[in-house]
Structure formats: C-alpha cells, structure tokens
Amino acid sequence: MTNSPAHEAYEADDADDAHGADVPHEADEAHGAYGGFRTGGLWAVAAIAFAAVVVGSAVALFGMLEFDERCSHGMITGPGSFQRARYESYPPATVCEFSGGEVASVGGSGVLFVLLWVGMAVLVGCLLLALVAEWFEPRTGGELVVPRSRAERVRRTATAFFVTGSVFLGFYVLIGRPLFAGPSSACSASADWGSQPPRTLEYSLFPPQATCQYTSGMTEQLNPGWATALSVQLAVPALLAGIGFALALRRRCEERRGASPA
C-alpha cells in the first residue's frame, strides 16, 4: 500500500521529534550559550545581610562610647568590684570585668549580639555559595539554571574577582605597610623612635604580623589579632572569585579556539 504525501510528511515529523531531545542544548552550544546557576537571589540576600551588619555594628560601636569609663567610675555596676575593661572586635563591644562576673555593652550581649552573628553567617554563606556557583557550567533546562554565554561568564567572574581582590589588597596594604620597608625592621618603621627603636623578633608576610620588643623588654604584636584574622578571611572570597575567573577564561579560550577555522 502506497503512503500518501501527507502521511510521509507526518512520519518525517515524528522522526524529527524522536531525535530532537538534544537539539536545544546543541543549538545553545552552537550559539555560544551555556548554563549558569541563578545567583541573583544569593547576591540580594548577601547585600541585605551586609547592610544589617553595617547598621548593627554602627549601633554597637556607638554603645561602646565611654562604656569603660562609666564602669571605672561606678556609673555601671556589676557583680563585685571593677577589675579592668577589654574590647571585642566582633561584634564590637566593651566588656567590663568585675570580681564576680562581666558586664558588656549593647553589642556584647542580648539581641544585637545574636543578630550580628546571624547576619555575618548569612552574609558569608551567601557570598561563598554565589562565588563557588560560578565555577560550574550545568546543562540548561533546570529551574536553577539560566542560559549564559561564556563571554558573559568571563565578565561576571572578572567583576567579582576585581571587587573581592581590591578589598583584600587594600586592607592588606593598610595593615602590612610597615613590612614592605623591610620585614626585619617592621616594628621600627611604624614610627620615629629615635635612637631606641623596638626590635622585630619574628614576622610573617601572610598574615601580616610581627612581634616587637621594646627597650623595656615588653613585647607586643605589630597588628591586633582581629586585623590579621580579617586579612585571612578577606583572602578567601578573593581566592574563590579568582578560581572562577580562571575557569571562565579557560573555557572562553577553548570556545574561541574551537570556533576558529582550521
């Protein structure tokens, strides 16, 4: 029995459908479009958490004003007699130590203390997830995946690397500047000490730190502990963004070599 032209055309359409499951992905690759995870929500949550941390830290810093003096003058009382005051870097707080316990400023206890730690955890988590997501190139079609060309991925990762790298480098230069003049004389380079400069006992370029010994015999760290810890923490997102940029650049170069005529 001879098939009609209409029947033959219908069978041809069925054959195209049977073999066309991979056509969209192949077409995407042919036009330079690949998959990328949706990270807009992560960046938005990270921005909100960053704003909350900044505002909360400002409130905590305001609460530290003259808190130690009020403790020493008896305006703020605690369990027992006042001993000394210490200062916490994050959340920013002044803690007055009494013989029977401690009393902290607004940033060192209570609701603000919890909110600042939660905000920092959300900020760091979203930031790291967004940066690591740029490492991968999933197939298009999923709910969490959007088409994204490799050229666009290079621009995105380059921007992230520039921002995170600039923040890290700026902070590193700020606290590590005395080490640039000569690590062995970092302690004496921080000020004009005249004929009795402090000795540099030991030093490290990363994290930027040095142990200084004064003529009295007292030793002290060149940078506070929170500053060296922050320099390491700032290096992590810069490193993750750098890896993402290197991967994106390598894939883009491979794509351009494959598209060039033989």
Protein backbone atom coordinates (compact mmCIF):
# COMPACT_ATOMS: atom_id res chain seq x y z
CA MET A 1 0.00 0.00 0.00
CA THR A 2 1.47 3.36 -1.03
CA ASN A 3 1.64 6.09 1.62
CA SER A 4 0.24 9.48 0.75
CA PRO A 5 2.49 12.54 0.74
CA ALA A 6 0.70 13.84 3.84
CA HIS A 7 1.34 10.56 5.69
CA GLU A 8 5.02 10.61 4.72
CA ALA A 9 5.37 14.19 6.00
CA TYR A 10 3.71 13.19 9.30
CA GLU A 11 6.18 10.29 9.73
CA ALA A 12 9.09 12.64 8.99
CA ASP A 13 7.88 15.00 11.73
CA ASP A 14 7.70 12.08 14.16
CA ALA A 15 11.27 11.11 13.30
CA ASP A 16 12.46 14.67 13.94
CA ASP A 17 10.73 14.67 17.35
CA ALA A 18 12.26 11.32 18.26
CA HIS A 19 15.78 12.60 17.59
CA GLY A 20 15.30 16.21 18.74
CA ALA A 21 15.64 15.79 22.51
CA ASP A 22 19.20 17.12 22.47
CA VAL A 23 18.67 19.74 19.78
CA PRO A 24 18.08 22.72 22.16
CA HIS A 25 21.30 22.02 24.07
CA GLU A 26 23.25 21.57 20.84
CA ALA A 27 21.76 24.78 19.48
CA ASP A 28 22.73 26.61 22.67
CA GLU A 29 26.31 25.42 22.33
CA ALA A 30 26.35 26.36 18.66
CA HIS A 31 25.33 29.91 19.52
CA GLY A 32 27.72 30.24 22.48
CA ALA A 33 25.04 29.90 25.21
CA TYR A 34 25.74 27.63 28.17
CA GLY A 35 24.12 27.08 31.53
CA GLY A 36 24.79 29.04 34.68
CA PHE A 37 23.23 28.83 38.13
CA ARG A 38 20.85 31.56 39.23
CA THR A 39 22.74 33.56 41.83
CA GLY A 40 20.74 36.78 41.86
CA GLY A 41 18.87 35.74 45.00
CA LEU A 42 22.10 34.92 46.80
CA TRP A 43 23.62 38.30 45.95
CA ALA A 44 20.42 40.07 47.07
CA VAL A 45 20.36 38.26 50.43
CA ALA A 46 24.09 38.93 50.86
CA ALA A 47 23.50 42.65 50.23
CA ILE A 48 20.68 42.76 52.81
CA ALA A 49 22.82 40.89 55.35
CA PHE A 50 25.75 43.26 54.68
CA ALA A 51 23.54 46.29 55.29
CA ALA A 52 22.22 44.75 58.50
CA VAL A 53 25.77 44.01 59.71
CA VAL A 54 26.90 47.57 58.96
CA VAL A 55 23.93 49.16 60.75
CA GLY A 56 24.17 46.77 63.69
CA SER A 57 27.91 47.33 64.02
CA ALA A 58 27.37 51.10 63.99
CA VAL A 59 24.88 50.75 66.87
CA ALA A 60 27.33 48.50 68.74
CA LEU A 61 30.20 50.98 68.25
CA PHE A 62 28.02 53.82 69.50
CA GLY A 63 27.26 51.75 72.60
CA MET A 64 30.99 51.40 73.29
CA LEU A 65 31.49 55.16 73.74
CA GLU A 66 32.85 55.82 77.26
CA PHE A 67 31.45 52.48 78.45
CA ASP A 68 34.76 51.59 80.12
CA GLU A 69 34.93 54.96 81.89
CA ARG A 70 31.42 54.55 83.21
CA CYS A 71 32.40 51.15 84.57
CA SER A 72 35.53 52.52 86.28
CA HIS A 73 33.61 55.45 87.80
CA GLY A 74 30.83 53.27 89.18
CA MET A 75 28.15 54.52 86.78
CA ILE A 76 27.80 50.95 85.52
CA THR A 77 27.84 48.38 88.29
CA GLY A 78 28.47 44.67 88.17
CA PRO A 79 28.96 41.71 90.47
CA GLY A 80 31.80 42.74 92.74
CA SER A 81 34.48 45.35 92.26
CA PHE A 82 35.63 46.59 88.88
CA GLN A 83 38.85 44.97 87.63
CA ARG A 84 39.53 46.02 84.05
CA ALA A 85 37.91 46.52 80.62
CA ARG A 86 38.59 44.63 77.43
CA TYR A 87 37.44 45.24 73.88
CA GLU A 88 35.91 42.75 71.48
CA SER A 89 36.44 43.23 67.73
CA TYR A 90 33.26 41.50 66.55
CA PRO A 91 30.60 42.10 67.48
CA PRO A 92 32.08 45.44 68.60
CA ALA A 93 31.76 45.63 72.37
CA THR A 94 33.41 46.78 75.56
CA VAL A 95 33.37 44.19 78.32
CA CYS A 96 33.90 45.35 81.90
CA GLU A 97 35.31 42.63 84.11
CA PHE A 98 34.24 42.64 87.74
CA SER A 99 35.43 40.35 90.50
CA GLY A 100 32.25 38.29 90.26
CA GLY A 101 31.43 38.45 86.54
CA GLU A 102 31.23 40.61 83.44
CA VAL A 103 29.04 43.36 82.02
CA ALA A 104 29.14 44.09 78.29
CA SER A 105 27.96 47.00 76.17
CA VAL A 106 24.99 46.59 73.84
CA GLY A 107 26.96 44.76 71.14
CA GLY A 108 28.39 42.17 73.50
CA SER A 109 25.18 40.52 74.65
CA GLY A 110 21.47 40.28 74.02
CA VAL A 111 19.51 40.55 70.79
CA LEU A 112 22.02 42.71 68.90
CA PHE A 113 24.83 40.23 69.65
CA VAL A 114 22.79 37.36 68.16
CA LEU A 115 21.61 39.38 65.16
CA LEU A 116 25.14 40.45 64.27
CA TRP A 117 26.40 36.87 64.29
CA VAL A 118 23.40 35.61 62.29
CA GLY A 119 23.83 38.44 59.78
CA MET A 120 27.53 37.67 59.38
CA ALA A 121 26.82 33.94 58.91
CA VAL A 122 24.19 34.66 56.24
CA LEU A 123 26.49 37.16 54.50
CA VAL A 124 29.46 34.78 54.39
CA GLY A 125 27.33 31.77 53.39
CA CYS A 126 25.57 33.53 50.51
CA LEU A 127 28.77 35.17 49.30
CA LEU A 128 30.72 31.90 49.21
CA LEU A 129 27.86 29.99 47.54
CA ALA A 130 27.47 32.67 44.86
CA LEU A 131 31.19 32.66 44.10
CA VAL A 132 31.51 28.86 44.02
CA ALA A 133 28.42 28.61 41.77
CA GLU A 134 30.38 30.45 39.08
CA TRP A 135 32.81 27.53 38.89
CA PHE A 136 30.26 25.23 37.26
CA GLU A 137 28.62 25.10 33.84
CA PRO A 138 25.45 22.99 34.20
CA ARG A 139 23.20 21.95 31.32
CA THR A 140 20.34 24.30 30.59
CA GLY A 141 16.78 23.28 31.36
CA GLY A 142 16.71 23.15 35.17
CA GLU A 143 14.83 25.60 37.37
CA LEU A 144 18.05 26.87 38.92
CA VAL A 145 19.89 27.19 35.58
CA VAL A 146 19.71 30.02 33.05
CA PRO A 147 21.40 30.30 29.64
CA ARG A 148 24.64 32.23 29.94
CA SER A 149 27.32 32.71 27.33
CA ARG A 150 30.93 32.11 28.19
CA ALA A 151 31.78 35.70 27.33
CA GLU A 152 29.19 36.88 29.88
CA ARG A 153 30.60 34.47 32.46
CA VAL A 154 34.07 35.96 31.96
CA ARG A 155 32.66 39.45 32.60
CA ARG A 156 30.79 38.32 35.72
CA THR A 157 33.72 36.49 37.27
CA ALA A 158 36.16 39.27 36.35
CA THR A 159 33.95 41.79 38.16
CA ALA A 160 33.68 39.58 41.25
CA PHE A 161 37.45 38.99 41.26
CA PHE A 162 38.19 42.71 40.87
CA VAL A 163 35.89 43.70 43.75
CA THR A 164 36.93 40.99 46.22
CA GLY A 165 40.59 41.28 45.25
CA SER A 166 40.57 45.06 45.65
CA VAL A 167 39.04 44.82 49.13
CA PHE A 168 41.61 42.24 50.22
CA LEU A 169 44.57 44.08 48.68
CA GLY A 170 43.51 47.44 50.13
CA PHE A 171 43.18 46.03 53.64
CA TYR A 172 46.43 44.06 53.33
CA VAL A 173 48.36 47.17 52.29
CA LEU A 174 46.76 49.14 55.12
CA ILE A 175 47.92 46.83 57.91
CA GLY A 176 51.01 45.35 56.25
CA ARG A 177 52.65 48.56 55.08
CA PRO A 178 55.43 48.51 57.75
CA LEU A 179 56.55 45.11 56.46
CA PHE A 180 57.19 46.47 52.98
CA ALA A 181 60.09 48.65 54.15
CA GLY A 182 61.89 45.51 55.33
CA PRO A 183 60.29 42.75 57.39
CA SER A 184 63.23 42.62 59.83
CA SER A 185 62.70 46.30 60.71
CA ALA A 186 58.90 46.42 60.53
CA CYS A 187 58.45 47.45 64.17
CA SER A 188 60.79 50.44 63.94
CA ALA A 189 59.29 51.55 60.61
CA SER A 190 55.86 52.20 62.14
CA ALA A 191 57.01 55.43 63.88
CA ASP A 192 60.00 57.68 64.57
CA TRP A 193 61.66 56.00 67.54
CA GLY A 194 64.91 57.95 67.54
CA SER A 195 67.90 56.08 68.94
CA GLN A 196 65.86 53.37 70.74
CA PRO A 197 63.74 51.64 68.12
CA PRO A 198 61.96 48.40 69.03
CA ARG A 199 63.39 45.13 67.74
CA THR A 200 61.50 42.86 65.38
CA LEU A 201 61.77 39.39 66.88
CA GLU A 202 59.77 37.50 64.25
CA TYR A 203 57.50 38.36 61.35
CA SER A 204 55.27 36.89 58.66
CA LEU A 205 54.08 38.41 55.39
CA PHE A 206 50.79 36.50 55.43
CA PRO A 207 49.03 37.10 57.61
CA PRO A 208 50.89 40.41 58.03
CA GLN A 209 52.23 40.30 61.56
CA ALA A 210 55.39 40.93 63.57
CA THR A 211 56.42 40.59 67.20
CA CYS A 212 58.02 43.77 68.54
CA GLN A 213 60.25 44.03 71.59
CA TYR A 214 60.75 47.45 73.19
CA THR A 215 63.79 48.63 75.16
CA SER A 216 61.86 47.99 78.39
CA GLY A 217 61.71 44.30 77.47
CA MET A 218 57.96 44.32 76.83
CA THR A 219 56.78 42.52 73.68
CA GLU A 220 53.75 43.40 71.58
CA GLN A 221 52.21 42.39 68.26
CA LEU A 222 52.52 44.87 65.40
CA ASN A 223 48.87 44.36 64.36
CA PRO A 224 45.92 43.44 66.57
CA GLY A 225 44.67 39.88 66.31
CA TRP A 226 41.37 40.82 64.70
CA ALA A 227 43.20 42.61 61.86
CA THR A 228 45.36 39.62 60.93
CA ALA A 229 42.34 37.31 61.17
CA LEU A 230 40.32 39.62 58.92
CA SER A 231 43.11 39.68 56.32
CA VAL A 232 42.91 35.89 56.07
CA GLN A 233 39.12 35.95 55.89
CA LEU A 234 39.15 38.56 53.11
CA ALA A 235 41.56 36.39 51.12
CA VAL A 236 39.03 33.52 50.93
CA PRO A 237 36.39 35.22 48.71
CA ALA A 238 39.16 36.74 46.59
CA LEU A 239 40.64 33.26 46.07
CA LEU A 240 37.24 31.74 45.20
CA ALA A 241 36.49 34.56 42.75
CA GLY A 242 39.95 34.15 41.20
CA ILE A 243 39.36 30.44 40.64
CA GLY A 244 36.01 31.20 38.99
CA PHE A 245 37.60 33.81 36.74
CA ALA A 246 40.42 31.44 35.73
CA LEU A 247 37.94 28.67 34.87
CA ALA A 248 35.71 31.03 32.90
CA LEU A 249 38.68 32.43 30.99
CA ARG A 250 39.97 28.95 30.14
CA ARG A 251 36.55 27.83 28.85
CA ARG A 252 36.21 31.02 26.81
CA CYS A 253 39.64 30.47 25.22
CA GLU A 254 38.73 26.86 24.40
CA GLU A 255 35.49 28.04 22.81
CA ARG A 256 37.28 30.62 20.66
CA ARG A 257 39.88 28.07 19.54
CA GLY A 258 37.12 25.62 18.61
CA ALA A 259 35.25 28.30 16.66
CA SER A 260 38.30 29.42 14.70
CA PRO A 261 38.69 27.93 11.17
CA ALA A 262 41.15 25.06 10.87
